[in-house]
N, C-alpha and C. Protein backbone atom coordinates (compact mmCIF):
# COMPACT_ATOMS: atom_id res chain seq x y z
N MET A 1 -7.94 -8.57 -13.31
CA MET A 1 -6.24 -8.46 -12.70
C MET A 1 -6.25 -8.82 -11.25
N LYS A 2 -5.23 -9.93 -11.71
CA LYS A 2 -5.15 -10.51 -9.97
C LYS A 2 -4.12 -9.83 -9.32
N PHE A 3 -4.98 -10.44 -7.67
CA PHE A 3 -4.59 -9.53 -6.75
C PHE A 3 -3.04 -10.47 -6.22
N ASN A 4 -2.07 -9.39 -5.68
CA ASN A 4 -0.74 -9.86 -5.98
C ASN A 4 -0.15 -8.56 -4.07
N VAL A 5 -1.33 -8.99 -3.58
CA VAL A 5 -0.51 -7.99 -2.30
C VAL A 5 -1.50 -9.21 -1.09
N GLY A 6 -0.70 -9.36 -0.21
CA GLY A 6 -0.96 -10.82 0.93
C GLY A 6 -1.55 -9.78 1.75
N THR A 7 -2.26 -10.04 2.95
CA THR A 7 -2.74 -9.39 4.29
C THR A 7 -1.58 -8.56 4.82
N ILE A 8 -0.86 -9.39 5.58
CA ILE A 8 -0.37 -8.54 6.60
C ILE A 8 0.76 -7.43 5.59
N ASP A 9 1.32 -7.70 4.05
CA ASP A 9 1.71 -6.84 3.17
C ASP A 9 0.60 -5.54 3.62
N ARG A 10 -0.61 -5.89 2.85
CA ARG A 10 -2.13 -5.09 2.97
C ARG A 10 -1.95 -4.13 4.10
N LEU A 11 -1.99 -4.88 4.95
CA LEU A 11 -2.20 -4.20 6.61
C LEU A 11 -0.59 -3.25 7.12
N MET A 12 -0.04 -3.74 6.55
CA MET A 12 1.51 -2.69 6.48
C MET A 12 1.05 -1.14 5.77
N ARG A 13 0.87 -1.78 4.46
CA ARG A 13 0.75 -0.28 3.86
C ARG A 13 0.00 0.80 4.03
N ILE A 14 -1.79 -0.18 4.71
CA ILE A 14 -2.30 0.92 5.03
C ILE A 14 -1.88 1.49 5.79
N VAL A 15 -1.44 1.08 7.27
CA VAL A 15 -1.35 1.85 8.32
C VAL A 15 0.32 2.37 7.88
N LEU A 16 0.99 2.12 7.29
CA LEU A 16 2.12 3.40 6.91
C LEU A 16 1.90 4.34 6.10
N GLY A 17 0.43 3.98 5.42
CA GLY A 17 0.01 5.15 4.79
C GLY A 17 -0.88 6.22 5.50
N LEU A 18 -1.51 5.91 6.27
CA LEU A 18 -2.16 6.47 7.51
C LEU A 18 -1.43 6.89 8.20
N ILE A 19 -0.43 6.30 8.57
CA ILE A 19 0.85 7.26 9.16
C ILE A 19 1.82 8.33 8.70
N ILE A 20 1.63 7.99 7.00
CA ILE A 20 1.89 9.56 6.67
C ILE A 20 0.95 10.64 6.31
N ALA A 21 0.09 10.35 5.84
CA ALA A 21 -0.94 11.18 5.73
C ALA A 21 -1.14 11.84 7.01
N ILE A 22 -1.43 11.27 8.03
CA ILE A 22 -1.34 12.19 9.56
C ILE A 22 -0.34 12.26 9.75
N LEU A 23 0.95 12.31 9.41
CA LEU A 23 2.34 13.55 9.36
C LEU A 23 2.06 14.61 8.56
N GLY A 24 1.58 14.21 7.07
CA GLY A 24 1.32 15.53 6.20
C GLY A 24 0.88 16.25 7.13
N VAL A 25 -0.61 16.41 7.37
CA VAL A 25 -1.74 16.82 7.29
C VAL A 25 -0.66 17.49 9.02
N TRP A 26 -0.20 17.09 9.97
CA TRP A 26 0.59 17.52 10.99
C TRP A 26 1.47 18.50 10.36
N LEU A 27 2.53 18.10 10.00
CA LEU A 27 3.17 19.39 9.56
C LEU A 27 2.98 19.81 8.43
N GLU A 28 1.60 20.10 8.14
CA GLU A 28 1.41 21.11 7.23
C GLU A 28 2.11 21.15 5.33
N SER A 29 2.31 19.75 5.12
CA SER A 29 3.27 19.48 4.23
C SER A 29 2.60 19.27 2.99
N TRP A 30 3.20 18.93 1.61
CA TRP A 30 2.15 18.44 0.73
C TRP A 30 3.20 17.11 0.27
N TRP A 31 3.50 16.61 1.23
CA TRP A 31 4.31 15.35 1.29
C TRP A 31 3.09 13.73 1.85
N GLY A 32 2.33 14.54 2.88
CA GLY A 32 1.03 13.78 3.06
C GLY A 32 0.19 13.19 1.33
N LEU A 33 0.48 13.52 0.83
CA LEU A 33 -0.44 12.96 -0.68
C LEU A 33 0.85 12.16 -0.68
N VAL A 34 1.61 11.84 -0.41
CA VAL A 34 2.72 10.08 -0.63
C VAL A 34 2.04 9.11 0.02
N ALA A 35 0.85 9.18 0.74
CA ALA A 35 0.40 8.60 1.60
C ALA A 35 -0.72 7.95 0.65
N LEU A 36 -1.11 8.37 0.10
CA LEU A 36 -1.70 7.80 -1.39
C LEU A 36 -1.31 6.68 -1.40
N VAL A 37 0.03 7.06 -2.15
CA VAL A 37 0.45 5.19 -2.99
C VAL A 37 0.04 3.86 -2.42
N PRO A 38 0.45 4.16 -1.01
CA PRO A 38 0.70 2.49 0.28
C PRO A 38 -0.86 2.77 0.24
N LEU A 39 -1.81 3.45 0.56
CA LEU A 39 -3.51 3.09 0.68
C LEU A 39 -4.03 2.68 -0.29
N ALA A 40 -3.43 3.40 -1.47
CA ALA A 40 -4.14 3.02 -2.56
C ALA A 40 -3.86 1.01 -2.92
N THR A 41 -2.67 1.04 -3.14
CA THR A 41 -1.96 -0.33 -3.36
C THR A 41 -2.57 -1.40 -2.05
N GLY A 42 -2.75 -0.88 -1.06
CA GLY A 42 -3.49 -1.51 0.26
C GLY A 42 -4.86 -1.92 0.13
N LEU A 43 -5.19 -0.79 -0.09
CA LEU A 43 -7.09 -1.39 -0.39
C LEU A 43 -7.23 -1.95 -1.44
N ILE A 44 -6.75 -1.59 -2.60
CA ILE A 44 -7.01 -2.41 -3.96
C ILE A 44 -6.06 -4.02 -4.06
N LYS A 45 -5.14 -4.79 -3.25
CA LYS A 45 -4.80 -5.66 -2.86
C LYS A 45 -3.86 -5.94 -4.08
N TRP A 46 -3.07 -4.55 -5.14
CA TRP A 46 -2.41 -5.09 -6.13
C TRP A 46 -1.50 -3.86 -6.22
N CYS A 47 -0.54 -4.43 -6.65
CA CYS A 47 1.00 -3.47 -6.70
C CYS A 47 1.78 -3.35 -7.51
N PRO A 48 1.68 -2.56 -8.92
CA PRO A 48 2.04 -2.42 -10.08
C PRO A 48 3.55 -2.75 -10.22
N LEU A 49 4.21 -2.36 -9.07
CA LEU A 49 5.31 -2.73 -9.05
C LEU A 49 6.57 -4.25 -9.17
N TYR A 50 4.94 -5.38 -8.11
CA TYR A 50 4.91 -6.07 -8.32
C TYR A 50 5.29 -7.28 -9.60
N VAL A 51 3.76 -6.59 -10.36
CA VAL A 51 4.16 -7.21 -11.65
C VAL A 51 5.54 -7.98 -13.04
N PRO A 52 6.57 -6.79 -13.19
CA PRO A 52 6.93 -7.30 -13.55
C PRO A 52 8.17 -7.85 -13.30
N PHE A 53 8.45 -8.21 -11.65
CA PHE A 53 9.06 -9.11 -11.32
C PHE A 53 8.51 -10.51 -10.88
N LYS A 54 7.12 -10.43 -11.32
CA LYS A 54 6.22 -11.95 -10.83
C LYS A 54 6.20 -12.29 -9.63
N PHE A 55 5.98 -11.07 -8.69
CA PHE A 55 6.44 -11.04 -7.58
C PHE A 55 4.94 -11.46 -6.36
N SER A 56 4.87 -12.11 -5.48
CA SER A 56 3.41 -11.70 -5.25
C SER A 56 3.54 -12.33 -3.90
N THR A 57 3.04 -11.52 -2.69
CA THR A 57 3.14 -11.76 -1.18
C THR A 57 1.85 -12.38 -0.77
N ARG A 58 1.08 -12.89 -1.78
CA ARG A 58 -0.44 -13.72 -1.19
C ARG A 58 -0.23 -14.73 -1.46
N GLU A 59 -0.54 -15.84 -0.23
CA GLU A 59 -0.53 -17.12 -0.32
C GLU A 59 -1.37 -17.81 -0.70
N LYS A 60 -1.19 -19.25 -1.02
CA LYS A 60 -1.77 -19.76 -1.99
C LYS A 60 -3.38 -19.77 -1.47
N GLY A 61 -3.33 -20.21 -0.05
CA GLY A 61 -5.05 -19.88 0.53
C GLY A 61 -6.21 -18.62 0.07
N GLU A 62 -5.42 -17.97 -0.03
CA GLU A 62 -5.53 -16.36 -0.21
C GLU A 62 -6.75 -15.96 -1.38
């Protein structure tokens, strides 16, 4: 599997995932589970939605 999520994209996904998870817990909502998607894609550095479009946010040196 080739990585297709760059450093800045990765950090934004992780921060967004943490914010959504905190809000889900704070509001006592199941919507906090949505946080798993950006967290997982940020941690594994691979986004399945980028594959069909042959898109990557990684720089050549990464």
